[in-house]
Amino acid sequence: MTVTSATATSSAPQDLGILGRNQLVNSYETFMTLLAAQIENQDPLKPMDGNQFTEQLVQMTGVQQQLYSNDLLKQLVNNTGTGMSQAVSVLGKEITADTAKATLTNGESKWSYNLGKAAASVSIEVIDSNGKTVAVSAPKNVGAGDQTFTWNGTDLGGVKRANGGEYTLRISPVDASGARITSKIFQRGVVTGVEQVAGQPVLSLAGAKVPWSAVTAVRQSA
């Protein structure tokens, strides 16, 4: 007996949401075309029933509202997929974020950093969005562990920078022998807002904008 093999073909999966929306759009456009033709060609002696006309408009208005609802639902699904719902869950909580960036807010920019061991000195630079060093500091005898640094917004020329600018911190800690010490810069504070930027959640942290992907720890605010 001869066995004949058959090869199954499959089509790419279709987005049912898009198909449904297209159908609604087509139905709405068809309705408006037919309605215009009906009004144009109606018998002047027997005009269209006003109640019937109103009922048809109400029905198609419902179709239009469904289009808007579908768009909002799709946006909600997209937000969930990008972690927006998770980001919202940390509102009012204290987070730690792996970032060296901070925004000048109320005349200040603040950073936290960690030293692997005590440092004889730490060279600190504040760098603007153009890569230019705008402020420097060199604290002595800095202990091991978490430390903080606050810049008052005044640059090397004595000019007070405007709020809203983004700045990056760079540090170079050394021990008594001049050897480099391991260090890490981060942001820590209470989340006061969440927004979506370029499709990704961004947290507001003491005026700074921190990407959700940079968060390394979350805990209840005191």
Foldseek 3Di string as FASTA:
>chain_A
DDDDDDDDDDDDDDDVLVVVLVVLVVVLVVLVVVVVVCQVPPDPVDHDDPVVVVVSVVVNVVSVVVSVVSVVVVVVVLCVVQCVVVVVVQAQWKFKFQFQKFFQDPQKTKKKKFWQAWFQKKWKFKAFPVRDTFDIDIDGGGGGTMDMDMDRQQGPVRDRDDTGTMIGMDMFTHHPVRHTTDMGMIDIAHFNDWDADPSFIWTQGVNTTGTPVRTDDIDHDD
